[in-house]
Amino acid sequence: MTPASRTADTTDPAPELRRRWAATVAEARGSRRSAAAGGDPAPDPAPYADNLLDRWREPHRRYHTVEHLTAVLDRIDELATHADDLSVVQLAAWFHDAVYRPDRSENEERSAALAERALPELGVGAARTAEVARLVRLTVTHDPAPDDPDGEVLCDADLAVLAGSPDTYAAYAAAVRAEYAFVPEPDFVVGRSAVLRQLLSLPRLFRTPLGYDRWEHLARRNLSTELELLGG
């Protein structure tokens, strides 16, 4: 994973995210070191953070931005006691929309493949790397199995935006529309309505007990309101 070229900044826009990334990578590595001759330490995680943050800051993004990444990581922190392997869930959050083109359907697959390349380079073991990639792919459906606590935490954190205040939800919906500005309005309404119906058809949007208690009612109200406004 070669760090993307970066424009010169006089200030660091995301020091806290870089700190959190380094801590997560250290936890995911455990005592593992690279297999390089001489037992050299695993690579510095900082360039990988820069690469990922550059991806999250791509100019075509309006919702899937650094702010969304931060929000997902914050919600994972709230749900941390439900996770089996918190560092794996946190890594999956970093990668879950690392590749994002609104005109493509394979974003999750390409994001998972990016994790599968980058994490072994960073010294993360095979089992955790595979689990991160699995969790990233799970965000296609947001429908984790009942015996998948890490999947439940990631999906709940990713969907928590649906439970915002009316103004916050309206801003989210507008940002989604802006990402799909290339889609004619009639086609967008059809596609977006289908997404909303699919979410509303889930028996539970939020699978963790805390997520369900905090967010289920508000999210369903917001989704239903948007669907009504779209004429669905």
Protein backbone atom coordinates (compact mmCIF):
# COMPACT_ATOMS: atom_id res chain seq x y z
CA MET A 1 0.00 0.00 0.00
CA THR A 2 1.90 3.04 -1.24
CA PRO A 3 0.94 6.29 0.48
CA ALA A 4 -0.88 8.62 -1.87
CA SER A 5 0.75 11.92 -2.70
CA ARG A 6 -0.42 14.67 -0.39
CA THR A 7 -0.77 18.39 -0.89
CA ALA A 8 1.27 20.51 1.50
CA ASP A 9 -0.62 21.60 4.59
CA THR A 10 0.57 24.12 7.15
CA THR A 11 -1.55 22.44 9.80
CA ASP A 12 -2.43 18.81 10.44
CA PRO A 13 -6.20 18.42 9.92
CA ALA A 14 -6.53 15.10 11.71
CA PRO A 15 -3.98 14.62 14.53
CA GLU A 16 -6.46 12.84 16.75
CA LEU A 17 -7.36 10.38 14.02
CA ARG A 18 -3.70 9.64 13.42
CA ARG A 19 -3.23 9.03 17.15
CA ARG A 20 -6.21 6.70 17.23
CA TRP A 21 -4.97 4.83 14.15
CA ALA A 22 -1.52 4.27 15.69
CA ALA A 23 -3.06 2.98 18.92
CA THR A 24 -5.39 0.63 17.04
CA VAL A 25 -2.61 -0.77 14.87
CA ALA A 26 -0.43 -1.33 17.94
CA GLU A 27 -3.25 -3.21 19.66
CA ALA A 28 -3.99 -5.29 16.55
CA ARG A 29 -0.34 -6.24 16.16
CA GLY A 30 0.08 -7.29 19.76
CA SER A 31 3.67 -8.45 20.17
CA ARG A 32 3.91 -9.44 16.51
CA ARG A 33 6.85 -8.14 14.46
CA SER A 34 7.57 -8.25 10.77
CA ALA A 35 9.22 -11.33 9.42
CA ALA A 36 12.04 -9.31 7.96
CA ALA A 37 15.56 -10.59 8.58
CA GLY A 38 16.97 -9.37 11.85
CA GLY A 39 13.58 -9.03 13.48
CA ASP A 40 13.05 -5.42 12.44
CA PRO A 41 9.95 -3.76 13.85
CA ALA A 42 6.83 -3.64 11.71
CA PRO A 43 6.48 -0.52 9.53
CA ASP A 44 5.55 2.87 10.88
CA PRO A 45 1.74 3.12 10.75
CA ALA A 46 1.77 6.89 10.08
CA PRO A 47 2.11 6.74 6.27
CA TYR A 48 -0.79 4.31 6.15
CA ALA A 49 -2.91 6.74 8.15
CA ASP A 50 -1.98 9.48 5.67
CA ASN A 51 -2.99 7.26 2.76
CA LEU A 52 -6.33 6.40 4.31
CA LEU A 53 -7.09 9.99 5.29
CA ASP A 54 -6.30 11.14 1.76
CA ARG A 55 -8.84 8.62 0.51
CA TRP A 56 -11.48 9.84 2.98
CA ARG A 57 -10.81 13.44 1.85
CA GLU A 58 -11.32 12.82 -1.88
CA PRO A 59 -13.14 15.79 -3.42
CA HIS A 60 -16.07 13.81 -4.81
CA ARG A 61 -17.13 12.73 -1.30
CA ARG A 62 -19.90 14.61 0.46
CA TYR A 63 -21.05 12.12 3.09
CA HIS A 64 -18.36 9.42 3.11
CA THR A 65 -15.80 11.84 4.53
CA VAL A 66 -13.34 12.12 7.40
CA GLU A 67 -16.26 13.35 9.49
CA HIS A 68 -18.13 10.11 8.82
CA LEU A 69 -15.06 8.07 9.71
CA THR A 70 -14.72 9.99 12.97
CA ALA A 71 -18.39 9.50 13.80
CA VAL A 72 -18.19 5.74 13.18
CA LEU A 73 -15.10 5.43 15.37
CA ASP A 74 -16.84 7.41 18.12
CA ARG A 75 -19.91 5.17 17.99
CA ILE A 76 -17.66 2.09 18.12
CA ASP A 77 -16.18 3.50 21.31
CA GLU A 78 -19.70 3.78 22.74
CA LEU A 79 -20.42 0.14 21.85
CA ALA A 80 -16.97 -1.19 22.77
CA THR A 81 -18.10 -3.53 25.54
CA HIS A 82 -20.16 -5.53 23.03
CA ALA A 83 -17.19 -6.26 20.75
CA ASP A 84 -15.12 -9.43 20.85
CA ASP A 85 -12.03 -7.83 19.26
CA LEU A 86 -12.29 -4.05 19.43
CA SER A 87 -9.13 -3.33 17.44
CA VAL A 88 -10.45 -5.41 14.53
CA VAL A 89 -13.72 -3.47 14.50
CA GLN A 90 -11.83 -0.17 14.62
CA LEU A 91 -9.60 -1.21 11.71
CA ALA A 92 -12.68 -2.23 9.74
CA ALA A 93 -14.12 1.24 10.31
CA TRP A 94 -11.00 2.83 8.82
CA PHE A 95 -11.22 0.64 5.74
CA HIS A 96 -14.99 0.26 5.27
CA ASP A 97 -15.33 3.16 2.80
CA ALA A 98 -11.66 3.70 2.04
CA VAL A 99 -12.45 3.00 -1.60
CA TYR A 100 -15.56 4.91 -2.52
CA ARG A 101 -16.92 5.89 -5.92
CA PRO A 102 -20.67 6.52 -5.97
CA ASP A 103 -20.88 5.30 -9.57
CA ARG A 104 -19.38 1.90 -8.71
CA SER A 105 -20.93 -1.12 -7.02
CA GLU A 106 -17.75 -2.84 -5.84
CA ASN A 107 -16.61 -0.28 -3.26
CA GLU A 108 -16.84 -2.62 -0.27
CA GLU A 109 -15.02 -5.39 -2.10
CA ARG A 110 -12.22 -3.06 -3.16
CA SER A 111 -12.02 -1.59 0.35
CA ALA A 112 -11.73 -5.10 1.82
CA ALA A 113 -9.01 -5.95 -0.71
CA LEU A 114 -7.13 -2.82 0.32
CA ALA A 115 -7.21 -3.98 3.94
CA GLU A 116 -6.01 -7.43 2.87
CA ARG A 117 -2.96 -5.82 1.24
CA ALA A 118 -2.17 -3.15 3.83
CA LEU A 119 -2.62 -4.92 7.14
CA PRO A 120 -0.08 -7.72 6.59
CA GLU A 121 2.45 -5.06 5.59
CA LEU A 122 1.75 -3.37 8.93
CA GLY A 123 2.40 -6.56 10.86
CA VAL A 124 -1.22 -7.47 11.59
CA GLY A 125 -1.69 -11.24 11.66
CA ALA A 126 -3.56 -13.27 9.08
CA ALA A 127 -6.58 -14.05 11.26
CA ARG A 128 -7.21 -10.44 12.21
CA THR A 129 -6.63 -9.27 8.64
CA ALA A 130 -9.21 -11.75 7.37
CA GLU A 131 -11.67 -10.63 10.03
CA VAL A 132 -11.24 -6.96 9.12
CA ALA A 133 -11.90 -7.77 5.47
CA ARG A 134 -14.97 -9.82 6.39
CA LEU A 135 -16.39 -6.96 8.43
CA VAL A 136 -15.81 -4.48 5.61
CA ARG A 137 -17.70 -6.75 3.21
CA LEU A 138 -20.51 -7.04 5.76
CA THR A 139 -21.31 -3.35 5.31
CA VAL A 140 -22.85 -4.19 1.93
CA THR A 141 -25.95 -5.49 3.73
CA HIS A 142 -25.57 -4.28 7.34
CA ASP A 143 -27.12 -7.60 8.33
CA PRO A 144 -24.78 -9.42 10.73
CA ALA A 145 -25.56 -12.86 12.08
CA PRO A 146 -26.82 -13.14 15.68
CA ASP A 147 -23.52 -14.69 16.77
CA ASP A 148 -21.39 -11.91 15.25
CA PRO A 149 -20.83 -9.25 17.92
CA ASP A 150 -18.04 -7.51 16.02
CA GLY A 151 -20.25 -7.30 12.95
CA GLU A 152 -23.05 -5.95 15.08
CA VAL A 153 -20.84 -3.21 16.51
CA LEU A 154 -19.51 -2.10 13.12
CA CYS A 155 -22.91 -2.10 11.44
CA ASP A 156 -24.58 -0.29 14.34
CA ALA A 157 -21.84 2.35 14.35
CA ASP A 158 -22.12 2.83 10.59
CA LEU A 159 -25.91 3.21 10.71
CA ALA A 160 -26.03 5.45 13.78
CA VAL A 161 -26.24 8.51 11.51
CA LEU A 162 -29.81 7.44 10.75
CA ALA A 163 -30.81 8.32 14.31
CA GLY A 164 -29.78 11.97 14.21
CA SER A 165 -31.96 14.93 14.99
CA PRO A 166 -34.23 16.06 12.13
CA ASP A 167 -31.73 18.73 11.09
CA THR A 168 -28.78 16.35 11.32
CA TYR A 169 -30.61 13.70 9.35
CA ALA A 170 -31.63 16.24 6.70
CA ALA A 171 -27.97 17.26 6.32
CA TYR A 172 -27.00 13.59 5.97
CA ALA A 173 -29.67 13.00 3.30
CA ALA A 174 -28.56 16.12 1.43
CA ALA A 175 -24.93 14.98 1.50
CA VAL A 176 -25.93 11.58 0.09
CA ARG A 177 -27.84 13.33 -2.70
CA ALA A 178 -24.81 15.52 -3.42
CA GLU A 179 -22.61 12.45 -3.85
CA TYR A 180 -25.08 11.23 -6.46
CA ALA A 181 -25.48 14.58 -8.20
CA PHE A 182 -24.71 12.87 -11.52
CA VAL A 183 -27.90 10.78 -11.20
CA PRO A 184 -31.09 12.36 -12.59
CA GLU A 185 -33.67 13.10 -9.91
CA PRO A 186 -36.26 10.48 -11.00
CA ASP A 187 -33.63 7.74 -11.00
CA PHE A 188 -32.23 8.86 -7.66
CA VAL A 189 -35.68 8.79 -6.09
CA VAL A 190 -36.21 5.21 -7.27
CA GLY A 191 -32.81 4.03 -6.05
CA ARG A 192 -32.87 5.88 -2.75
CA SER A 193 -36.40 4.71 -2.00
CA ALA A 194 -35.30 1.12 -2.55
CA VAL A 195 -32.43 1.58 -0.07
CA LEU A 196 -34.77 3.07 2.52
CA ARG A 197 -37.29 0.25 2.11
CA GLN A 198 -34.54 -2.34 2.44
CA LEU A 199 -33.39 -0.79 5.71
CA LEU A 200 -36.91 -0.50 7.07
CA SER A 201 -37.55 -4.16 6.19
CA LEU A 202 -34.83 -5.35 8.58
CA PRO A 203 -36.29 -6.79 11.78
CA ARG A 204 -33.83 -4.60 13.67
CA LEU A 205 -31.64 -1.83 12.30
CA PHE A 206 -29.43 -2.00 15.38
CA ARG A 207 -28.30 -5.32 16.79
CA THR A 208 -26.41 -4.35 19.94
CA PRO A 209 -28.62 -3.78 22.99
CA LEU A 210 -27.26 -0.27 23.49
CA GLY A 211 -27.60 0.64 19.83
CA TYR A 212 -31.16 -0.62 19.69
CA ASP A 213 -32.20 1.26 22.82
CA ARG A 214 -30.58 4.53 21.73
CA TRP A 215 -31.14 4.63 18.00
CA GLU A 216 -33.81 2.24 16.67
CA HIS A 217 -36.91 4.40 17.15
CA LEU A 218 -35.33 7.62 15.90
CA ALA A 219 -33.75 5.93 12.89
CA ARG A 220 -37.01 4.33 11.77
CA ARG A 221 -38.81 7.64 12.15
CA ASN A 222 -36.18 9.42 10.05
CA LEU A 223 -36.14 6.74 7.36
CA SER A 224 -39.91 6.71 7.12
CA THR A 225 -40.04 10.50 6.90
CA GLU A 226 -37.48 10.60 4.09
CA LEU A 227 -39.34 7.87 2.22
CA GLU A 228 -42.55 9.87 2.49
CA LEU A 229 -40.82 13.00 1.23
CA LEU A 230 -39.53 11.04 -1.76
CA GLY A 231 -43.06 9.95 -2.52
CA GLY A 232 -42.40 6.35 -1.56
